[in-house]
């Protein structure tokens, strides 16, 4: 089957232009399925097989937690799931996928910009605002549904975001929800900037904020509040935070460090972590793009390990990992291959998702088409809140 996948990659490079988007998406799906069935030892799944996820999770229902990681920045199959790419995702292939329910065809039909695409994942609605506008989503977020229906405090829903442009992702402008009803957003780069008091020095590699449009940097205030987050919530002194940050190699490593402190000190029931290192591809350096994929792979495994070892999360947490979207084909004349995600072709839109942990039937591949907007209604069904305005549908294989 691995040879089958290699053949697809060669054919795609030679003749992708002859395939319709629907045909290319179907081939991507079929080959992800066949490769994972053999390389990762997964079986084909059905929503009708075995006890329901809700029944399997019944014993942990009162303490149920959900963590979502976006494998952000966009990566293609030839750099990940294809035989020539699997060396870049050893942790996903060997550790996480065998424990997961893996969905081979998750389609994003919205705008392929990181903030707006993440907002669409968070709301279950394809948002249409300018990706580089400092605005909140127009539709209620999963955090607002969660807190309003279940009467949860603000401390129980958090977002760790990679970029200052994500500072409005935690709650919408919807008149029935909005201010004060969503998640607290923590921006590790902003924390670090506040701690440094303007003298970046050795930290510049952790503070670069937007790879696609480097000139976009919305103004953020609140230095005193940021330092209070460090010291009161995360139990980190400014000096200790700066010292540890100096040992890190990327913004995503900083985000994971903050997320782990948040899990340990606050233990929110709904935690959303957005990765972004892979988006260095916009700089045009293939080696940095591959480095970003490998780092994201490792960090996802570290977060799963943290879930297993933190007492508040172990045994009662469901982890979701999914990209915001993919990247352009090498053959599309309207794009720049790995460097961008502008064409809206099947490689840019057809991604994947894995779910593992509490309530999940592990070691199974599902290859039916679903949409990225299906995540929020699924979380609603898992956690018992209503995502009434979301466009997507609950994923039956997880319920």
Protein backbone atom coordinates (compact mmCIF):
# COMPACT_ATOMS: atom_id res chain seq x y z
CA UNK A 1 0.00 0.00 0.00
CA UNK A 2 2.91 2.35 0.65
CA UNK A 3 3.92 1.87 -2.98
CA UNK A 4 0.38 2.80 -3.91
CA UNK A 5 0.82 6.07 -2.05
CA UNK A 6 4.16 6.76 -3.74
CA UNK A 7 2.56 6.14 -7.11
CA UNK A 8 -0.12 8.68 -6.33
CA UNK A 9 2.50 11.26 -5.42
CA UNK A 10 4.34 10.70 -8.70
CA UNK A 11 1.13 10.80 -10.73
CA UNK A 12 0.01 13.93 -8.94
CA UNK A 13 3.24 15.71 -9.77
CA UNK A 14 2.99 14.64 -13.40
CA UNK A 15 -0.71 15.05 -14.09
CA UNK A 16 -2.51 16.89 -11.27
CA UNK A 17 -3.61 19.59 -13.67
CA UNK A 18 -5.82 17.04 -15.44
CA UNK A 19 -7.76 16.18 -12.28
CA UNK A 20 -10.81 18.05 -11.10
CA UNK A 21 -10.76 19.30 -7.49
CA UNK A 22 -13.31 16.61 -6.58
CA UNK A 23 -11.18 13.84 -8.14
CA UNK A 24 -7.99 15.06 -6.47
CA UNK A 25 -9.70 15.27 -3.09
CA UNK A 26 -11.00 11.72 -3.54
CA UNK A 27 -7.52 10.40 -4.39
CA UNK A 28 -5.99 12.17 -1.41
CA UNK A 29 -8.59 10.60 0.85
CA UNK A 30 -8.27 7.08 -0.55
CA UNK A 31 -4.51 7.08 -0.29
CA UNK A 32 -4.40 8.52 3.22
CA UNK A 33 -6.78 5.73 4.18
CA UNK A 34 -4.80 2.93 2.56
CA UNK A 35 -1.47 4.19 3.83
CA UNK A 36 -2.71 4.51 7.41
CA UNK A 37 -4.36 1.11 7.33
CA UNK A 38 -0.99 -0.49 6.61
CA UNK A 39 1.68 1.83 7.98
CA UNK A 40 -0.09 2.68 11.24
CA UNK A 41 -2.11 -0.53 11.61
CA UNK A 42 -5.49 1.15 11.64
CA UNK A 43 -8.79 -0.45 10.66
CA UNK A 44 -11.64 0.93 8.61
CA UNK A 45 -14.31 2.38 10.83
CA UNK A 46 -18.05 2.80 10.91
CA UNK A 47 -20.27 4.89 13.11
CA UNK A 48 -22.27 1.72 13.74
CA UNK A 49 -19.40 -0.37 15.13
CA UNK A 50 -18.91 -0.80 18.85
CA UNK A 51 -20.34 1.13 21.80
CA UNK A 52 -20.88 4.84 21.42
CA UNK A 53 -18.20 7.29 22.43
CA UNK A 54 -20.59 8.84 24.92
CA UNK A 55 -21.15 5.47 26.57
CA UNK A 56 -17.41 4.77 26.72
CA UNK A 57 -16.87 8.15 28.38
CA UNK A 58 -19.75 7.89 30.86
CA UNK A 59 -17.48 7.20 33.81
CA UNK A 60 -15.56 10.45 33.26
CA UNK A 61 -18.50 12.63 32.25
CA UNK A 62 -18.44 14.91 35.29
CA UNK A 63 -14.79 15.82 34.76
CA UNK A 64 -14.69 15.65 30.94
CA UNK A 65 -12.13 17.95 29.33
CA UNK A 66 -11.35 18.78 25.71
CA UNK A 67 -8.09 20.07 24.23
CA UNK A 68 -7.94 21.20 20.59
CA UNK A 69 -4.63 21.71 18.76
CA UNK A 70 -4.57 23.24 15.32
CA UNK A 71 -1.66 21.81 13.30
CA UNK A 72 -1.47 25.34 12.02
CA UNK A 73 0.22 26.78 8.99
CA UNK A 74 -0.73 24.16 6.44
CA UNK A 75 1.26 21.10 5.33
CA UNK A 76 0.81 18.86 2.29
CA UNK A 77 0.71 15.08 2.09
CA UNK A 78 4.06 14.80 0.32
CA UNK A 79 5.71 16.39 3.37
CA UNK A 80 3.67 14.40 5.91
CA UNK A 81 1.67 11.23 5.15
CA UNK A 82 3.31 10.14 1.90
CA UNK A 83 6.18 7.65 2.32
CA UNK A 84 8.72 10.32 1.46
CA UNK A 85 7.19 12.66 4.04
CA UNK A 86 6.48 10.39 7.00
CA UNK A 87 9.96 10.92 8.46
CA UNK A 88 8.75 14.45 9.24
CA UNK A 89 5.89 13.26 11.47
CA UNK A 90 7.31 10.30 13.44
CA UNK A 91 5.33 11.12 16.58
CA UNK A 92 2.00 11.34 14.76
CA UNK A 93 2.68 8.12 12.85
CA UNK A 94 4.10 5.97 15.66
CA UNK A 95 2.48 7.33 18.80
CA UNK A 96 -0.65 9.37 18.17
CA UNK A 97 -2.37 7.98 15.07
CA UNK A 98 -2.43 4.35 16.35
CA UNK A 99 -4.29 5.64 19.42
CA UNK A 100 -6.68 7.82 17.45
CA UNK A 101 -9.79 7.88 15.34
CA UNK A 102 -8.40 9.36 12.14
CA UNK A 103 -10.54 11.25 9.62
CA UNK A 104 -8.93 11.38 6.18
CA UNK A 105 -11.09 14.00 4.47
CA UNK A 106 -11.82 17.22 6.31
CA UNK A 107 -12.71 19.95 3.84
CA UNK A 108 -12.39 23.68 4.49
CA UNK A 109 -14.74 25.59 2.17
CA UNK A 110 -13.98 28.98 3.65
CA UNK A 111 -11.32 31.67 3.36
CA UNK A 112 -7.77 30.28 3.55
CA UNK A 113 -6.24 32.81 5.94
CA UNK A 114 -5.01 31.69 9.34
CA UNK A 115 -7.03 33.94 11.61
CA UNK A 116 -10.27 33.73 9.64
CA UNK A 117 -9.88 29.95 9.11
CA UNK A 118 -9.24 29.41 12.82
CA UNK A 119 -12.26 31.58 13.59
CA UNK A 120 -14.32 29.32 11.32
CA UNK A 121 -13.09 26.27 13.24
CA UNK A 122 -13.94 28.00 16.53
CA UNK A 123 -17.47 29.06 15.49
CA UNK A 124 -18.54 26.19 13.21
CA UNK A 125 -19.43 28.82 10.58
CA UNK A 126 -17.31 29.90 7.61
CA UNK A 127 -16.40 33.42 8.70
CA UNK A 128 -15.97 36.04 5.96
CA UNK A 129 -14.10 38.94 7.56
CA UNK A 130 -10.75 40.26 6.36
CA UNK A 131 -8.04 37.90 7.63
CA UNK A 132 -5.88 40.88 8.60
CA UNK A 133 -8.57 42.87 10.41
CA UNK A 134 -8.50 43.11 14.19
CA UNK A 135 -12.13 42.06 14.59
CA UNK A 136 -13.90 39.28 16.51
CA UNK A 137 -15.81 36.50 14.75
CA UNK A 138 -19.37 37.44 13.84
CA UNK A 139 -20.80 34.12 15.07
CA UNK A 140 -20.76 32.67 18.59
CA UNK A 141 -17.61 30.73 19.47
CA UNK A 142 -17.44 27.28 21.00
CA UNK A 143 -16.26 28.95 24.21
CA UNK A 144 -19.39 31.10 24.44
CA UNK A 145 -21.69 28.13 23.82
CA UNK A 146 -19.79 26.13 26.43
CA UNK A 147 -19.82 28.78 29.12
CA UNK A 148 -23.39 30.01 28.59
CA UNK A 149 -25.12 26.62 28.39
CA UNK A 150 -23.10 24.98 31.16
CA UNK A 151 -22.75 28.11 33.32
CA UNK A 152 -18.99 27.74 33.45
CA UNK A 153 -16.66 30.47 34.78
CA UNK A 154 -14.32 32.31 32.47
CA UNK A 155 -11.39 30.40 33.97
CA UNK A 156 -12.71 27.16 32.43
CA UNK A 157 -12.17 28.14 28.77
CA UNK A 158 -8.83 29.36 27.39
CA UNK A 159 -7.09 29.96 24.07
CA UNK A 160 -3.31 29.98 23.66
CA UNK A 161 -2.81 31.87 20.41
CA UNK A 162 0.35 32.20 18.32
CA UNK A 163 -0.03 35.71 17.02
CA UNK A 164 -1.17 39.10 18.21
CA UNK A 165 -3.68 38.98 15.36
CA UNK A 166 -5.58 36.27 17.26
CA UNK A 167 -6.34 38.43 20.28
CA UNK A 168 -10.09 38.62 19.38
CA UNK A 169 -10.59 34.89 18.77
CA UNK A 170 -12.02 34.13 22.23
CA UNK A 171 -15.46 35.68 21.83
CA UNK A 172 -17.70 36.97 19.07
CA UNK A 173 -19.55 40.16 18.27
CA UNK A 174 -22.87 38.29 18.23
CA UNK A 175 -25.52 40.27 20.17
CA UNK A 176 -26.66 37.24 22.19
CA UNK A 177 -23.13 36.43 23.33
CA UNK A 178 -20.07 38.68 23.00
CA UNK A 179 -18.15 40.60 25.65
CA UNK A 180 -17.42 38.67 28.80
CA UNK A 181 -18.98 35.38 27.69
CA UNK A 182 -16.08 33.69 25.88
CA UNK A 183 -12.58 32.36 26.51
CA UNK A 184 -9.61 34.17 27.94
CA UNK A 185 -6.99 34.51 25.21
CA UNK A 186 -3.38 34.30 26.25
CA UNK A 187 -0.77 35.52 23.77
CA UNK A 188 2.67 34.14 24.71
CA UNK A 189 4.48 36.61 22.47
CA UNK A 190 2.68 39.46 24.18
CA UNK A 191 3.59 38.04 27.59
CA UNK A 192 7.21 37.89 26.54
CA UNK A 193 7.15 41.43 25.15
CA UNK A 194 5.71 42.70 28.44
CA UNK A 195 8.32 40.80 30.43
CA UNK A 196 11.17 42.20 28.32
CA UNK A 197 10.02 45.83 28.66
CA UNK A 198 10.93 46.52 25.05
CA UNK A 199 14.47 45.09 25.04
CA UNK A 200 14.11 41.97 22.87
CA UNK A 201 17.79 41.05 22.57
CA UNK A 202 18.12 37.26 22.26
CA UNK A 203 14.36 36.77 21.93
CA UNK A 204 13.71 38.09 18.42
CA UNK A 205 13.19 34.56 17.01
CA UNK A 206 10.28 34.10 19.45
CA UNK A 207 8.60 37.41 18.68
CA UNK A 208 8.18 37.38 14.90
CA UNK A 209 4.45 37.73 14.60
CA UNK A 210 3.12 37.16 11.10
CA UNK A 211 4.93 35.25 8.35
CA UNK A 212 2.40 35.99 5.62
CA UNK A 213 2.13 39.74 6.15
CA UNK A 214 5.01 40.86 8.39
CA UNK A 215 3.76 44.46 8.41
CA UNK A 216 0.51 43.48 10.16
CA UNK A 217 0.85 43.97 13.92
CA UNK A 218 -2.27 45.20 15.75
CA UNK A 219 -1.64 47.38 18.75
CA UNK A 220 -2.25 45.70 22.07
CA UNK A 221 -2.23 47.33 25.46
CA UNK A 222 -2.24 46.00 28.98
CA UNK A 223 1.35 45.39 30.05
CA UNK A 224 0.35 45.35 33.72
CA UNK A 225 -2.40 42.79 33.06
CA UNK A 226 0.00 40.59 31.08
CA UNK A 227 2.50 40.49 33.92
CA UNK A 228 -0.32 39.66 36.33
CA UNK A 229 -1.20 36.70 34.10
CA UNK A 230 2.36 35.48 34.45
CA UNK A 231 2.69 35.87 38.19
CA UNK A 232 -0.84 35.24 39.52
CA UNK A 233 -2.29 32.71 37.07
CA UNK A 234 0.72 30.85 35.72
CA UNK A 235 2.81 31.13 38.90
CA UNK A 236 5.82 32.29 36.91
CA UNK A 237 8.12 35.10 37.92
CA UNK A 238 9.15 37.46 35.16
CA UNK A 239 12.78 36.44 35.56
CA UNK A 240 12.02 32.71 35.45
CA UNK A 241 9.83 33.18 32.38
CA UNK A 242 12.53 35.11 30.54
CA UNK A 243 15.17 32.56 31.51
CA UNK A 244 13.12 29.63 30.23
CA UNK A 245 12.09 31.46 27.06
CA UNK A 246 15.76 31.95 26.23
CA UNK A 247 16.10 28.14 25.93
CA UNK A 248 13.29 27.81 23.36
CA UNK A 249 13.70 27.77 19.60
CA UNK A 250 10.34 28.94 18.26
CA UNK A 251 7.05 30.73 19.01
CA UNK A 252 5.17 27.41 19.12
CA UNK A 253 7.55 26.08 21.77
CA UNK A 254 6.73 29.19 23.79
CA UNK A 255 2.99 28.55 23.29
CA UNK A 256 3.30 24.94 24.46
CA UNK A 257 5.28 26.03 27.51
CA UNK A 258 2.51 28.46 28.45
CA UNK A 259 -0.21 25.88 27.71
CA UNK A 260 1.43 23.36 30.02
CA UNK A 261 1.65 25.94 32.80
CA UNK A 262 -2.01 26.76 32.22
CA UNK A 263 -2.97 23.08 32.44
CA UNK A 264 -1.02 22.68 35.65
CA UNK A 265 -2.17 25.86 37.42
CA UNK A 266 -5.71 26.49 36.07
CA UNK A 267 -6.77 23.17 34.45
CA UNK A 268 -9.45 24.58 32.09
CA UNK A 269 -12.04 22.13 30.78
CA UNK A 270 -11.86 23.61 27.27
CA UNK A 271 -8.39 24.52 26.01
CA UNK A 272 -7.57 25.55 22.43
CA UNK A 273 -3.93 25.77 21.30
CA UNK A 274 -3.07 27.13 17.87
CA UNK A 275 0.29 26.23 16.32
CA UNK A 276 1.82 28.50 13.70
CA UNK A 277 5.48 27.62 13.10
CA UNK A 278 4.79 25.81 9.81
CA UNK A 279 3.69 29.11 8.29
CA UNK A 280 7.37 30.07 8.01
CA UNK A 281 6.88 28.49 4.56
CA UNK A 282 5.79 31.96 3.39
CA UNK A 283 9.44 32.99 3.67
CA UNK A 284 10.17 30.60 0.79
CA UNK A 285 12.72 28.38 2.59
CA UNK A 286 11.73 24.73 2.17
CA UNK A 287 14.09 23.62 4.96
CA UNK A 288 12.38 25.93 7.46
CA UNK A 289 8.97 24.65 6.36
CA UNK A 290 10.09 21.05 7.02
CA UNK A 291 11.61 22.08 10.34
CA UNK A 292 8.25 23.61 11.29
CA UNK A 293 6.40 20.39 10.47
CA UNK A 294 8.82 18.31 12.53
CA UNK A 295 8.61 20.67 15.47
CA UNK A 296 4.80 20.74 15.38
CA UNK A 297 4.75 16.94 15.26
CA UNK A 298 6.95 16.79 18.37
CA UNK A 299 4.97 19.43 20.24
CA UNK A 300 1.67 17.65 19.61
CA UNK A 301 3.18 14.52 21.18
CA UNK A 302 4.47 16.54 24.14
CA UNK A 303 0.99 17.95 24.77
CA UNK A 304 -0.56 14.47 24.59
CA UNK A 305 2.03 13.27 27.10
CA UNK A 306 1.20 16.22 29.35
CA UNK A 307 -2.48 15.24 29.19
CA UNK A 308 -1.53 11.75 30.38
CA UNK A 309 0.55 13.00 33.28
CA UNK A 310 -1.45 15.95 34.61
CA UNK A 311 -3.85 14.63 37.28
CA UNK A 312 -6.69 16.94 36.21
CA UNK A 313 -6.51 15.66 32.60
CA UNK A 314 -5.34 12.06 32.73
CA UNK A 315 -8.03 9.57 31.68
CA UNK A 316 -10.82 12.09 31.15
CA UNK A 317 -9.62 14.24 28.24
CA UNK A 318 -10.35 14.09 24.52
CA UNK A 319 -7.67 15.60 22.28
CA UNK A 320 -8.38 16.84 18.75
CA UNK A 321 -5.60 17.67 16.29
CA UNK A 322 -6.42 19.17 12.88
CA UNK A 323 -4.90 21.66 10.43
CA UNK A 324 -6.58 24.95 9.59
CA UNK A 325 -6.01 24.10 5.88
CA UNK A 326 -3.30 22.76 3.54
CA UNK A 327 -0.94 24.40 1.05
CA UNK A 328 -0.81 24.84 -2.72
CA UNK A 329 0.11 22.16 -5.23
CA UNK A 330 3.47 22.44 -6.98
CA UNK A 331 1.66 22.16 -10.31
CA UNK A 332 -0.91 24.92 -9.88
CA UNK A 333 0.16 27.93 -11.92
CA UNK A 334 -1.81 30.26 -9.66
CA UNK A 335 0.12 29.34 -6.53
CA UNK A 336 3.65 28.98 -5.22
CA UNK A 337 3.66 25.36 -4.09
CA UNK A 338 4.59 24.79 -0.46
CA UNK A 339 5.13 28.51 0.06
CA UNK A 340 1.50 29.67 0.02
CA UNK A 341 -2.16 28.63 0.31
CA UNK A 342 -3.80 30.95 -2.19
CA UNK A 343 -5.32 28.85 -4.96
CA UNK A 344 -8.16 27.13 -3.10
CA UNK A 345 -7.30 23.84 -4.83
CA UNK A 346 -7.89 20.42 -3.27
CA UNK A 347 -4.45 20.33 -1.65
CA UNK A 348 -5.21 23.63 0.09
CA UNK A 349 -8.67 22.60 1.25
CA UNK A 350 -8.60 18.84 1.93
CA UNK A 351 -7.01 18.12 5.30
CA UNK A 352 -7.45 15.60 8.13
CA UNK A 353 -8.30 15.30 11.81
CA UNK A 354 -7.46 12.92 14.61
CA UNK A 355 -9.27 12.46 17.90
CA UNK A 356 -7.84 10.48 20.79
CA UNK A 357 -8.46 9.94 24.45
CA UNK A 358 -11.68 9.76 26.45
CA UNK A 359 -14.66 8.50 24.46
CA UNK A 360 -12.73 7.71 21.27
CA UNK A 361 -12.53 4.32 19.57
CA UNK A 362 -8.78 4.09 18.80
CA UNK A 363 -7.00 2.67 15.77
CA UNK A 364 -9.72 3.41 13.21
CA UNK A 365 -9.72 5.32 9.91
CA UNK A 366 -12.85 7.08 8.68
CA UNK A 367 -12.70 8.27 5.08
CA UNK A 368 -16.06 9.89 4.46
CA UNK A 369 -16.10 13.60 3.65
CA UNK A 370 -16.75 16.02 6.50
CA UNK A 371 -16.25 19.74 6.94
CA UNK A 372 -14.08 21.69 9.34
CA UNK A 373 -17.23 23.36 10.65
CA UNK A 374 -18.35 19.98 12.06
CA UNK A 375 -15.95 20.25 15.01
CA UNK A 376 -17.94 22.72 17.12
CA UNK A 377 -21.26 20.80 16.97
CA UNK A 378 -19.31 17.64 17.85
CA UNK A 379 -17.81 19.30 20.91
CA UNK A 380 -21.30 20.45 21.85
CA UNK A 381 -22.61 16.89 21.73
CA UNK A 382 -19.63 15.66 23.75
CA UNK A 383 -19.83 18.29 26.46
CA UNK A 384 -23.63 18.78 26.52
CA UNK A 385 -24.00 22.28 25.15
CA UNK A 386 -25.94 23.47 22.13
CA UNK A 387 -24.02 24.94 19.18
CA UNK A 388 -27.30 26.24 17.80
CA UNK A 389 -25.93 28.70 15.22
CA UNK A 390 -23.12 26.53 13.84
CA UNK A 391 -23.39 25.37 10.23
CA UNK A 392 -21.68 22.02 10.73
CA UNK A 393 -23.06 18.72 11.98
CA UNK A 394 -21.96 16.50 14.85
CA UNK A 395 -19.57 13.73 13.77
CA UNK A 396 -21.50 10.50 14.47
CA UNK A 397 -18.36 8.36 14.69
CA UNK A 398 -17.40 10.27 17.84
CA UNK A 399 -20.79 10.25 19.57
